[in-house]
């Protein structure tokens, strides 16, 4: 019996809509298109259920997108492009302490995790 091996890849493609680098209350509100790839290395189709992908800044979830139920054909890659909206509303004052500097530099480090 073979072991199902599927790779999930999320590549960030930024289109920044709005942000404020004010030192007293830094914030961001952005939208961007994310190409999601589900790579199936098996010799049979791989069906997967709908799943959520969380986007984080400093360990705090700042956005989420739902990947619809589908399947990746055998030995192929399923390509899905989704639009993601992120905002800093959930960040506490402590979590956003270095945000003004990051926004000022134009680079924000985000994380992502699929469930």
N, C-alpha and C. Protein backbone atom coordinates (compact mmCIF):
# COMPACT_ATOMS: atom_id res chain seq x y z
N UNK A 1 0.84 -1.16 0.00
CA UNK A 1 0.00 0.00 0.00
C UNK A 1 0.90 1.24 0.00
N UNK A 2 0.57 2.19 -0.84
CA UNK A 2 1.39 3.41 -0.92
C UNK A 2 0.89 4.45 0.06
N UNK A 3 1.78 5.34 0.42
CA UNK A 3 1.46 6.41 1.35
C UNK A 3 1.11 7.65 0.55
N UNK A 4 -0.04 8.28 0.85
CA UNK A 4 -0.43 9.50 0.15
C UNK A 4 0.45 10.66 0.57
N UNK A 5 1.12 11.27 -0.40
CA UNK A 5 1.97 12.42 -0.13
C UNK A 5 1.49 13.58 -1.00
N UNK A 6 1.06 14.64 -0.34
CA UNK A 6 0.58 15.82 -1.05
C UNK A 6 1.27 17.03 -0.45
N UNK A 7 1.75 17.93 -1.30
CA UNK A 7 2.45 19.13 -0.86
C UNK A 7 1.53 20.33 -1.06
N UNK A 8 1.52 21.21 -0.07
CA UNK A 8 0.71 22.42 -0.09
C UNK A 8 1.67 23.60 -0.13
N UNK A 9 1.43 24.53 -1.05
CA UNK A 9 2.34 25.67 -1.19
C UNK A 9 1.53 26.94 -1.31
N UNK A 10 1.95 27.96 -0.59
CA UNK A 10 1.30 29.26 -0.62
C UNK A 10 2.36 30.31 -0.92
N UNK A 11 2.21 31.01 -2.03
CA UNK A 11 3.17 32.02 -2.46
C UNK A 11 2.50 33.38 -2.34
N UNK A 12 3.13 34.31 -1.63
CA UNK A 12 2.53 35.62 -1.44
C UNK A 12 2.76 36.50 -2.66
N UNK A 13 1.70 37.13 -3.15
CA UNK A 13 1.78 38.12 -4.21
C UNK A 13 1.07 39.37 -3.73
N UNK A 14 1.80 40.34 -3.25
CA UNK A 14 1.21 41.47 -2.57
C UNK A 14 0.64 42.53 -3.51
N UNK A 15 -0.52 43.01 -3.16
CA UNK A 15 -1.10 44.22 -3.72
C UNK A 15 -1.59 45.00 -2.51
N UNK A 16 -0.81 45.92 -2.00
CA UNK A 16 -1.18 46.61 -0.77
C UNK A 16 -2.22 47.67 -1.08
N UNK A 17 -3.31 47.64 -0.31
CA UNK A 17 -4.39 48.60 -0.49
C UNK A 17 -4.25 49.82 0.40
N UNK A 18 -3.90 49.60 1.68
CA UNK A 18 -3.87 50.73 2.60
C UNK A 18 -3.09 50.37 3.84
N UNK A 19 -2.30 51.29 4.34
CA UNK A 19 -1.65 51.12 5.63
C UNK A 19 -1.29 52.48 6.21
N UNK A 20 -1.14 52.52 7.53
CA UNK A 20 -0.76 53.74 8.23
C UNK A 20 0.45 53.43 9.09
N UNK A 21 1.52 54.17 8.93
CA UNK A 21 2.74 53.96 9.70
C UNK A 21 2.86 54.93 10.86
N UNK A 22 1.74 55.50 11.31
CA UNK A 22 1.72 56.41 12.45
C UNK A 22 2.28 55.69 13.68
N UNK A 23 3.25 56.29 14.35
CA UNK A 23 3.91 55.65 15.50
C UNK A 23 2.94 55.33 16.64
N UNK A 24 1.91 56.17 16.83
CA UNK A 24 1.00 55.95 17.95
C UNK A 24 0.03 54.80 17.70
N UNK A 25 -0.43 54.62 16.48
CA UNK A 25 -1.39 53.55 16.18
C UNK A 25 -1.14 53.01 14.77
N UNK A 26 -0.05 52.25 14.57
CA UNK A 26 0.21 51.70 13.23
C UNK A 26 -0.84 50.65 12.87
N UNK A 27 -1.22 50.60 11.59
CA UNK A 27 -2.23 49.62 11.17
C UNK A 27 -2.07 49.32 9.69
N UNK A 28 -2.69 48.22 9.27
CA UNK A 28 -2.73 47.90 7.84
C UNK A 28 -4.06 47.26 7.50
N UNK A 29 -4.45 47.44 6.27
CA UNK A 29 -5.67 46.85 5.71
C UNK A 29 -5.33 46.61 4.25
N UNK A 30 -5.12 45.35 3.88
CA UNK A 30 -4.62 45.06 2.53
C UNK A 30 -5.35 43.89 1.89
N UNK A 31 -5.31 43.87 0.60
CA UNK A 31 -5.83 42.76 -0.20
C UNK A 31 -4.75 42.33 -1.15
N UNK A 32 -4.66 41.02 -1.38
CA UNK A 32 -3.73 40.54 -2.39
C UNK A 32 -4.19 39.20 -2.91
N UNK A 33 -3.66 38.84 -4.05
CA UNK A 33 -3.97 37.58 -4.71
C UNK A 33 -2.90 36.56 -4.32
N UNK A 34 -3.35 35.42 -3.81
CA UNK A 34 -2.43 34.38 -3.37
C UNK A 34 -2.60 33.15 -4.25
N UNK A 35 -1.53 32.75 -4.94
CA UNK A 35 -1.59 31.49 -5.69
C UNK A 35 -1.33 30.32 -4.74
N UNK A 36 -2.32 29.44 -4.59
CA UNK A 36 -2.21 28.24 -3.75
C UNK A 36 -1.98 27.06 -4.68
N UNK A 37 -1.06 26.20 -4.31
CA UNK A 37 -0.75 25.02 -5.12
C UNK A 37 -0.86 23.77 -4.26
N UNK A 38 -1.59 22.77 -4.77
CA UNK A 38 -1.69 21.47 -4.11
C UNK A 38 -1.04 20.47 -5.06
N UNK A 39 0.16 20.00 -4.69
CA UNK A 39 0.92 19.10 -5.56
C UNK A 39 0.69 17.66 -5.13
N UNK A 40 0.18 16.86 -6.05
CA UNK A 40 -0.10 15.44 -5.80
C UNK A 40 0.98 14.61 -6.47
N UNK A 41 1.80 13.92 -5.66
CA UNK A 41 2.88 13.08 -6.20
C UNK A 41 2.46 11.62 -6.32
N UNK A 42 1.19 11.33 -6.04
CA UNK A 42 0.69 9.96 -6.08
C UNK A 42 0.29 9.54 -7.50
N UNK A 43 0.13 8.26 -7.69
CA UNK A 43 -0.31 7.72 -8.98
C UNK A 43 -1.82 7.52 -9.02
N UNK A 44 -2.53 8.23 -8.17
CA UNK A 44 -4.00 8.22 -8.18
C UNK A 44 -4.48 9.61 -7.77
N UNK A 45 -5.69 9.98 -8.15
CA UNK A 45 -6.19 11.30 -7.76
C UNK A 45 -6.27 11.45 -6.25
N UNK A 46 -6.12 12.68 -5.78
CA UNK A 46 -6.19 12.97 -4.36
C UNK A 46 -7.32 13.97 -4.13
N UNK A 47 -8.35 13.52 -3.41
CA UNK A 47 -9.48 14.40 -3.07
C UNK A 47 -9.23 15.02 -1.71
N UNK A 48 -9.54 16.30 -1.59
CA UNK A 48 -9.38 16.97 -0.31
C UNK A 48 -10.62 17.81 -0.01
N UNK A 49 -10.91 17.94 1.28
CA UNK A 49 -12.06 18.72 1.73
C UNK A 49 -11.71 20.20 1.75
N UNK A 50 -12.74 21.02 1.92
CA UNK A 50 -12.52 22.46 2.06
C UNK A 50 -11.64 22.67 3.30
N UNK A 51 -10.75 23.62 3.20
CA UNK A 51 -9.83 23.88 4.31
C UNK A 51 -9.62 25.37 4.46
N UNK A 52 -9.20 25.77 5.63
CA UNK A 52 -8.93 27.18 5.91
C UNK A 52 -7.42 27.41 5.95
N UNK A 53 -7.00 28.56 5.44
CA UNK A 53 -5.61 28.98 5.53
C UNK A 53 -5.61 30.27 6.35
N UNK A 54 -4.89 30.24 7.47
CA UNK A 54 -4.77 31.41 8.34
C UNK A 54 -3.49 32.17 8.00
N UNK A 55 -3.58 33.49 7.98
CA UNK A 55 -2.42 34.35 7.77
C UNK A 55 -2.16 35.08 9.08
N UNK A 56 -0.90 35.06 9.52
CA UNK A 56 -0.55 35.61 10.83
C UNK A 56 0.53 36.68 10.73
N UNK A 57 0.50 37.57 11.70
CA UNK A 57 1.57 38.55 11.91
C UNK A 57 1.92 38.49 13.39
N UNK A 58 3.14 38.15 13.70
CA UNK A 58 3.57 38.04 15.09
C UNK A 58 2.78 36.99 15.87
N UNK A 59 2.34 35.95 15.21
CA UNK A 59 1.59 34.87 15.87
C UNK A 59 0.10 35.13 16.01
N UNK A 60 -0.37 36.30 15.56
CA UNK A 60 -1.78 36.66 15.66
C UNK A 60 -2.42 36.54 14.28
N UNK A 61 -3.58 35.89 14.21
CA UNK A 61 -4.28 35.73 12.92
C UNK A 61 -4.80 37.09 12.47
N UNK A 62 -4.39 37.51 11.26
CA UNK A 62 -4.82 38.79 10.70
C UNK A 62 -5.69 38.61 9.46
N UNK A 63 -5.91 37.37 9.05
CA UNK A 63 -6.77 37.08 7.91
C UNK A 63 -6.91 35.59 7.69
N UNK A 64 -7.93 35.23 6.94
CA UNK A 64 -8.19 33.82 6.66
C UNK A 64 -8.87 33.70 5.30
N UNK A 65 -8.57 32.61 4.62
CA UNK A 65 -9.22 32.33 3.35
C UNK A 65 -9.61 30.85 3.35
N UNK A 66 -10.72 30.54 2.69
CA UNK A 66 -11.20 29.16 2.60
C UNK A 66 -10.84 28.61 1.21
N UNK A 67 -10.18 27.46 1.20
CA UNK A 67 -9.87 26.76 -0.04
C UNK A 67 -10.99 25.76 -0.28
N UNK A 68 -11.68 25.83 -1.41
CA UNK A 68 -12.84 24.95 -1.63
C UNK A 68 -12.45 23.49 -1.83
N UNK A 69 -13.38 22.60 -1.51
CA UNK A 69 -13.21 21.17 -1.72
C UNK A 69 -12.95 20.91 -3.19
N UNK A 70 -11.99 20.03 -3.48
CA UNK A 70 -11.65 19.72 -4.86
C UNK A 70 -10.80 18.47 -4.92
N UNK A 71 -10.13 18.26 -6.05
CA UNK A 71 -9.19 17.14 -6.17
C UNK A 71 -8.04 17.53 -7.07
N UNK A 72 -6.89 16.93 -6.77
CA UNK A 72 -5.70 17.09 -7.60
C UNK A 72 -5.53 15.78 -8.35
N UNK A 73 -5.46 15.84 -9.66
CA UNK A 73 -5.29 14.63 -10.45
C UNK A 73 -3.94 13.98 -10.17
N UNK A 74 -3.80 12.72 -10.59
CA UNK A 74 -2.57 11.98 -10.30
C UNK A 74 -1.36 12.66 -10.94
N UNK A 75 -0.27 12.69 -10.17
CA UNK A 75 1.02 13.25 -10.61
C UNK A 75 0.86 14.66 -11.22
N UNK A 76 0.03 15.50 -10.57
CA UNK A 76 -0.17 16.85 -11.10
C UNK A 76 -0.32 17.85 -9.95
N UNK A 77 -0.40 19.11 -10.31
CA UNK A 77 -0.55 20.18 -9.33
C UNK A 77 -1.83 20.94 -9.59
N UNK A 78 -2.67 21.03 -8.58
CA UNK A 78 -3.92 21.80 -8.65
C UNK A 78 -3.58 23.24 -8.32
N UNK A 79 -3.96 24.17 -9.20
CA UNK A 79 -3.65 25.58 -9.02
C UNK A 79 -4.93 26.34 -8.68
N UNK A 80 -4.89 27.07 -7.57
CA UNK A 80 -6.04 27.85 -7.10
C UNK A 80 -5.54 29.24 -6.76
N UNK A 81 -6.18 30.27 -7.30
CA UNK A 81 -5.83 31.65 -6.96
C UNK A 81 -6.96 32.22 -6.11
N UNK A 82 -6.63 32.71 -4.92
CA UNK A 82 -7.63 33.26 -4.02
C UNK A 82 -7.24 34.67 -3.60
N UNK A 83 -8.25 35.51 -3.38
CA UNK A 83 -8.02 36.87 -2.90
C UNK A 83 -8.14 36.87 -1.39
N UNK A 84 -7.16 37.45 -0.72
CA UNK A 84 -7.10 37.48 0.73
C UNK A 84 -7.17 38.92 1.22
N UNK A 85 -7.97 39.15 2.24
CA UNK A 85 -8.04 40.45 2.90
C UNK A 85 -7.43 40.31 4.29
N UNK A 86 -6.48 41.17 4.59
CA UNK A 86 -5.81 41.16 5.88
C UNK A 86 -5.96 42.52 6.54
N UNK A 87 -6.11 42.53 7.87
CA UNK A 87 -6.08 43.79 8.59
C UNK A 87 -5.51 43.58 9.98
N UNK A 88 -5.07 44.65 10.58
CA UNK A 88 -4.38 44.59 11.87
C UNK A 88 -5.32 44.81 13.05
N UNK A 89 -6.62 44.73 12.86
CA UNK A 89 -7.57 44.99 13.94
C UNK A 89 -7.38 44.07 15.14
N UNK A 90 -6.97 42.83 14.91
CA UNK A 90 -6.83 41.85 15.99
C UNK A 90 -5.53 42.00 16.77
N UNK A 91 -4.61 42.84 16.31
CA UNK A 91 -3.32 42.99 16.98
C UNK A 91 -3.46 43.83 18.25
N UNK A 92 -2.86 43.35 19.32
CA UNK A 92 -2.83 44.11 20.56
C UNK A 92 -1.73 45.18 20.45
N UNK A 93 -1.68 46.06 21.40
CA UNK A 93 -0.64 47.10 21.41
C UNK A 93 0.74 46.47 21.47
N UNK A 94 0.88 45.41 22.27
CA UNK A 94 2.18 44.73 22.38
C UNK A 94 2.57 44.05 21.07
N UNK A 95 1.59 43.41 20.42
CA UNK A 95 1.88 42.70 19.16
C UNK A 95 2.21 43.66 18.03
N UNK A 96 1.71 44.88 18.09
CA UNK A 96 1.97 45.85 17.02
C UNK A 96 3.09 46.82 17.36
N UNK A 97 3.89 46.50 18.38
CA UNK A 97 4.94 47.42 18.83
C UNK A 97 5.95 47.76 17.73
N UNK A 98 6.38 46.80 16.93
CA UNK A 98 7.35 47.06 15.87
C UNK A 98 6.71 47.26 14.51
N UNK A 99 5.38 47.32 14.48
CA UNK A 99 4.67 47.40 13.20
C UNK A 99 4.94 48.70 12.45
N UNK A 100 5.04 49.81 13.15
CA UNK A 100 5.28 51.09 12.47
C UNK A 100 6.58 51.07 11.69
N UNK A 101 7.64 50.49 12.28
CA UNK A 101 8.92 50.40 11.58
C UNK A 101 8.82 49.49 10.37
N UNK A 102 8.11 48.36 10.52
CA UNK A 102 7.94 47.43 9.40
C UNK A 102 7.16 48.10 8.27
N UNK A 103 6.09 48.79 8.61
CA UNK A 103 5.30 49.47 7.59
C UNK A 103 6.11 50.56 6.91
N UNK A 104 6.91 51.27 7.69
CA UNK A 104 7.75 52.33 7.14
C UNK A 104 8.79 51.78 6.16
N UNK A 105 9.28 50.57 6.42
CA UNK A 105 10.26 49.96 5.53
C UNK A 105 9.61 49.34 4.29
N UNK A 106 8.29 49.13 4.36
CA UNK A 106 7.58 48.54 3.22
C UNK A 106 7.58 47.02 3.21
N UNK A 107 8.09 46.39 4.28
CA UNK A 107 8.15 44.92 4.34
C UNK A 107 7.49 44.44 5.62
N UNK A 108 6.48 43.60 5.48
CA UNK A 108 5.81 42.99 6.62
C UNK A 108 5.98 41.48 6.48
N UNK A 109 6.47 40.83 7.54
CA UNK A 109 6.66 39.39 7.50
C UNK A 109 5.38 38.71 7.99
N UNK A 110 4.75 37.94 7.11
CA UNK A 110 3.53 37.22 7.43
C UNK A 110 3.80 35.72 7.43
N UNK A 111 3.00 35.00 8.18
CA UNK A 111 3.06 33.55 8.17
C UNK A 111 1.75 33.00 7.64
N UNK A 112 1.74 31.74 7.25
CA UNK A 112 0.49 31.11 6.81
C UNK A 112 0.50 29.65 7.24
N UNK A 113 -0.69 29.15 7.51
CA UNK A 113 -0.84 27.75 7.91
C UNK A 113 -2.20 27.25 7.46
N UNK A 114 -2.19 26.11 6.76
CA UNK A 114 -3.43 25.48 6.34
C UNK A 114 -3.88 24.46 7.35
N UNK A 115 -5.18 24.31 7.51
CA UNK A 115 -5.71 23.32 8.44
C UNK A 115 -6.54 22.31 7.70
